[in-house]
């Protein structure tokens, strides 16, 4: 574990964008080309799910866990190296 001296503030907006991008990656890996189709297939609100993927809505931990449960992905699998690799350049260019 890193020391408190190594800590830098977490940017909420940036992390929400990263979570959205990761949700989109997972959806596409599962073969869904549309966020609407994915949401409909899993009983999620289509408009709200689209906002989660866009990083424009604050997703709750409970909602994230619900989405991960339907995709059969653990939190550690979601917040993996692929998540860490998402950078501001990737997010801005999408």
Protein backbone atom coordinates (compact mmCIF):
# COMPACT_ATOMS: atom_id res chain seq x y z
CA UNK A 1 0.00 0.00 0.00
CA UNK A 2 1.33 3.45 -0.85
CA UNK A 3 2.04 6.10 1.71
CA UNK A 4 -0.27 9.02 2.35
CA UNK A 5 2.46 11.29 0.97
CA UNK A 6 2.00 9.62 -2.44
CA UNK A 7 -1.72 10.41 -2.54
CA UNK A 8 -3.11 12.83 -5.07
CA UNK A 9 -6.76 13.90 -5.12
CA UNK A 10 -9.07 11.69 -7.12
CA UNK A 11 -10.87 13.58 -9.88
CA UNK A 12 -14.52 12.51 -9.71
CA UNK A 13 -15.36 13.56 -13.26
CA UNK A 14 -12.36 11.72 -14.69
CA UNK A 15 -13.11 8.53 -12.71
CA UNK A 16 -16.78 8.57 -13.78
CA UNK A 17 -15.60 8.79 -17.41
CA UNK A 18 -13.22 5.87 -16.83
CA UNK A 19 -15.97 3.78 -15.25
CA UNK A 20 -18.20 4.59 -18.23
CA UNK A 21 -15.51 3.59 -20.69
CA UNK A 22 -14.90 0.35 -18.81
CA UNK A 23 -18.64 -0.42 -18.79
CA UNK A 24 -18.64 0.11 -22.55
CA UNK A 25 -15.62 -2.21 -22.98
CA UNK A 26 -17.34 -4.93 -20.96
CA UNK A 27 -20.59 -4.54 -22.90
CA UNK A 28 -18.77 -4.84 -26.23
CA UNK A 29 -16.78 -7.86 -24.99
CA UNK A 30 -20.14 -9.51 -24.27
CA UNK A 31 -21.19 -8.91 -27.89
CA UNK A 32 -23.60 -6.02 -27.43
CA UNK A 33 -23.10 -3.26 -29.99
CA UNK A 34 -25.70 -0.97 -28.41
CA UNK A 35 -25.98 0.21 -24.82
CA UNK A 36 -29.74 0.26 -25.29
CA UNK A 37 -29.88 -3.42 -26.26
CA UNK A 38 -27.64 -4.35 -23.35
CA UNK A 39 -29.71 -2.37 -20.85
CA UNK A 40 -33.00 -3.73 -22.18
CA UNK A 41 -31.71 -7.32 -22.10
CA UNK A 42 -30.73 -6.97 -18.45
CA UNK A 43 -33.67 -4.99 -17.09
CA UNK A 44 -31.78 -1.71 -16.75
CA UNK A 45 -33.11 1.72 -17.63
CA UNK A 46 -31.77 2.35 -21.13
CA UNK A 47 -31.41 6.13 -20.86
CA UNK A 48 -29.77 5.98 -17.44
CA UNK A 49 -27.39 3.21 -18.48
CA UNK A 50 -26.35 5.34 -21.47
CA UNK A 51 -25.49 8.14 -19.04
CA UNK A 52 -23.37 5.75 -16.99
CA UNK A 53 -21.41 4.73 -20.08
CA UNK A 54 -20.98 8.38 -21.05
CA UNK A 55 -19.71 9.17 -17.56
CA UNK A 56 -22.29 11.93 -17.27
CA UNK A 57 -24.24 10.45 -14.36
CA UNK A 58 -22.97 9.51 -10.94
CA UNK A 59 -23.32 5.73 -10.69
CA UNK A 60 -23.85 4.34 -7.21
CA UNK A 61 -21.85 1.42 -5.90
CA UNK A 62 -25.06 -0.60 -5.65
CA UNK A 63 -25.90 0.03 -9.30
CA UNK A 64 -22.38 -0.84 -10.41
CA UNK A 65 -22.54 -4.10 -8.46
CA UNK A 66 -25.94 -4.89 -10.01
CA UNK A 67 -24.49 -4.36 -13.50
CA UNK A 68 -21.44 -6.46 -12.67
CA UNK A 69 -23.67 -9.24 -11.35
CA UNK A 70 -25.59 -9.46 -14.63
CA UNK A 71 -22.29 -9.52 -16.54
CA UNK A 72 -20.79 -12.04 -14.10
CA UNK A 73 -17.75 -9.84 -13.50
CA UNK A 74 -16.23 -9.17 -10.08
CA UNK A 75 -15.17 -5.75 -8.85
CA UNK A 76 -11.52 -6.76 -9.11
CA UNK A 77 -12.04 -7.91 -12.70
CA UNK A 78 -13.74 -4.61 -13.52
CA UNK A 79 -11.13 -2.41 -11.84
CA UNK A 80 -8.23 -4.26 -13.47
CA UNK A 81 -5.29 -3.25 -15.66
CA UNK A 82 -7.66 -2.32 -18.48
CA UNK A 83 -9.35 0.16 -16.16
CA UNK A 84 -6.00 1.54 -15.04
CA UNK A 85 -4.89 1.90 -18.67
CA UNK A 86 -7.74 4.29 -19.48
CA UNK A 87 -6.16 7.72 -19.63
CA UNK A 88 -7.43 11.21 -20.27
CA UNK A 89 -6.26 10.92 -23.89
CA UNK A 90 -8.33 7.78 -24.44
CA UNK A 91 -11.38 9.28 -22.79
CA UNK A 92 -11.15 12.62 -24.60
CA UNK A 93 -10.76 10.91 -28.00
CA UNK A 94 -13.82 8.67 -27.58
